[in-house]
Amino acid sequence: MQDTVIVTLELALKPELVDDFCEQIPEALKDTRAFPGFVDISIRHNADDPNRVIFIEEWASRADHEAYVAFRTKSGVMDQMAAMLTSPPRTEYWDRNIV
């Protein structure tokens, strides 16, 4: 059996938009959870900087996540999200399960 892939997405939000962003997440996650290859997601505020959030996502494969990003990009969601940020988002893929 192939391991799933963990994807982390770190965002630095404009302070005045943090509440709006957090309010929009539950609705946006409906499409995420329904997307092929989706396994799980957790979204957390940084303990020292509440304007920073991290998405910790689990996908069946990197290709599934990349297809999801393409879907979100085509729909315009990624451009909307980029307008809420103070710096470019940081995405990392974690594919080796050590333990």
Protein backbone atom coordinates (compact mmCIF):
# COMPACT_ATOMS: atom_id res chain seq x y z
CA MET A 1 0.00 0.00 0.00
CA GLN A 2 1.28 3.45 -0.94
CA ASP A 3 1.66 6.06 1.77
CA THR A 4 -0.47 9.16 1.53
CA VAL A 5 1.16 12.55 1.10
CA ILE A 6 0.99 15.35 3.66
CA VAL A 7 0.84 18.86 2.27
CA THR A 8 1.50 21.93 4.39
CA LEU A 9 0.37 25.34 3.22
CA GLU A 10 1.50 28.33 5.27
CA LEU A 11 -0.27 31.65 4.83
CA ALA A 12 0.49 35.10 6.22
CA LEU A 13 -2.83 36.91 6.18
CA LYS A 14 -3.46 40.64 6.18
CA PRO A 15 -4.49 41.38 9.81
CA GLU A 16 -7.73 43.06 8.80
CA LEU A 17 -8.78 39.99 6.77
CA VAL A 18 -8.06 37.17 9.24
CA ASP A 19 -11.64 37.00 10.56
CA ASP A 20 -13.15 37.04 7.06
CA PHE A 21 -10.75 34.32 5.94
CA CYS A 22 -11.62 32.12 8.90
CA GLU A 23 -15.35 32.62 8.32
CA GLN A 24 -15.03 31.54 4.67
CA ILE A 25 -13.08 28.33 5.37
CA PRO A 26 -15.98 26.03 6.40
CA GLU A 27 -17.85 26.65 3.15
CA ALA A 28 -14.69 26.29 1.04
CA LEU A 29 -13.85 22.98 2.71
CA LYS A 30 -17.03 21.38 1.35
CA ASP A 31 -15.46 21.26 -2.13
CA THR A 32 -12.10 20.23 -0.70
CA ARG A 33 -13.55 17.27 1.18
CA ALA A 34 -15.44 16.12 -1.91
CA PHE A 35 -12.39 16.25 -4.19
CA PRO A 36 -10.96 12.91 -5.39
CA GLY A 37 -7.95 11.85 -3.31
CA PHE A 38 -8.74 14.04 -0.30
CA VAL A 39 -8.11 12.29 3.04
CA ASP A 40 -8.00 14.87 5.85
CA ILE A 41 -7.29 18.49 6.77
CA SER A 42 -6.43 20.54 9.84
CA ILE A 43 -6.04 24.32 9.86
CA ARG A 44 -4.25 26.06 12.73
CA HIS A 45 -3.33 29.59 13.80
CA ASN A 46 0.29 30.20 14.67
CA ALA A 47 0.60 30.44 18.47
CA ASP A 48 2.77 33.56 18.30
CA ASP A 49 1.28 35.28 15.25
CA PRO A 50 -2.51 34.89 14.78
CA ASN A 51 -2.21 36.36 11.27
CA ARG A 52 -0.39 33.20 10.16
CA VAL A 53 -2.21 29.96 9.50
CA ILE A 54 -1.10 26.54 8.37
CA PHE A 55 -3.12 23.99 6.47
CA ILE A 56 -2.03 20.42 7.17
CA GLU A 57 -3.64 18.31 4.49
CA GLU A 58 -3.50 14.61 3.72
CA TRP A 59 -4.03 13.41 0.16
CA ALA A 60 -3.92 9.98 -1.47
CA SER A 61 -1.14 11.24 -3.77
CA ARG A 62 0.72 14.37 -4.78
CA ALA A 63 -1.00 14.16 -8.17
CA ASP A 64 -4.39 14.32 -6.43
CA HIS A 65 -3.35 17.48 -4.57
CA GLU A 66 -1.91 19.05 -7.71
CA ALA A 67 -5.21 18.35 -9.52
CA TYR A 68 -7.03 20.02 -6.62
CA VAL A 69 -4.77 23.09 -6.82
CA ALA A 70 -5.44 23.29 -10.58
CA PHE A 71 -9.19 23.11 -9.87
CA ARG A 72 -8.95 25.91 -7.27
CA THR A 73 -6.74 28.00 -9.57
CA LYS A 74 -9.15 27.66 -12.51
CA SER A 75 -12.10 28.63 -10.29
CA GLY A 76 -10.34 31.85 -9.22
CA VAL A 77 -10.11 30.91 -5.53
CA MET A 78 -6.31 31.04 -5.53
CA ASP A 79 -6.31 34.63 -6.83
CA GLN A 80 -8.88 35.60 -4.18
CA MET A 81 -6.72 34.00 -1.49
CA ALA A 82 -3.55 35.68 -2.79
CA ALA A 83 -5.22 39.08 -2.36
CA MET A 84 -5.63 38.31 1.36
CA LEU A 85 -1.92 37.62 1.95
CA THR A 86 1.04 39.76 2.99
CA SER A 87 3.55 37.39 1.34
CA PRO A 88 3.49 34.45 -1.07
CA PRO A 89 2.09 31.19 0.32
CA ARG A 90 4.51 28.40 1.16
CA THR A 91 3.59 24.84 0.15
CA GLU A 92 5.59 21.75 1.08
CA TYR A 93 5.01 18.08 0.32
CA TRP A 94 5.83 15.40 2.89
CA ASP A 95 5.72 11.90 1.45
CA ARG A 96 7.77 9.58 3.58
CA ASN A 97 6.13 8.15 6.64
CA ILE A 98 9.01 7.46 9.06
CA VAL A 99 6.98 6.00 11.92
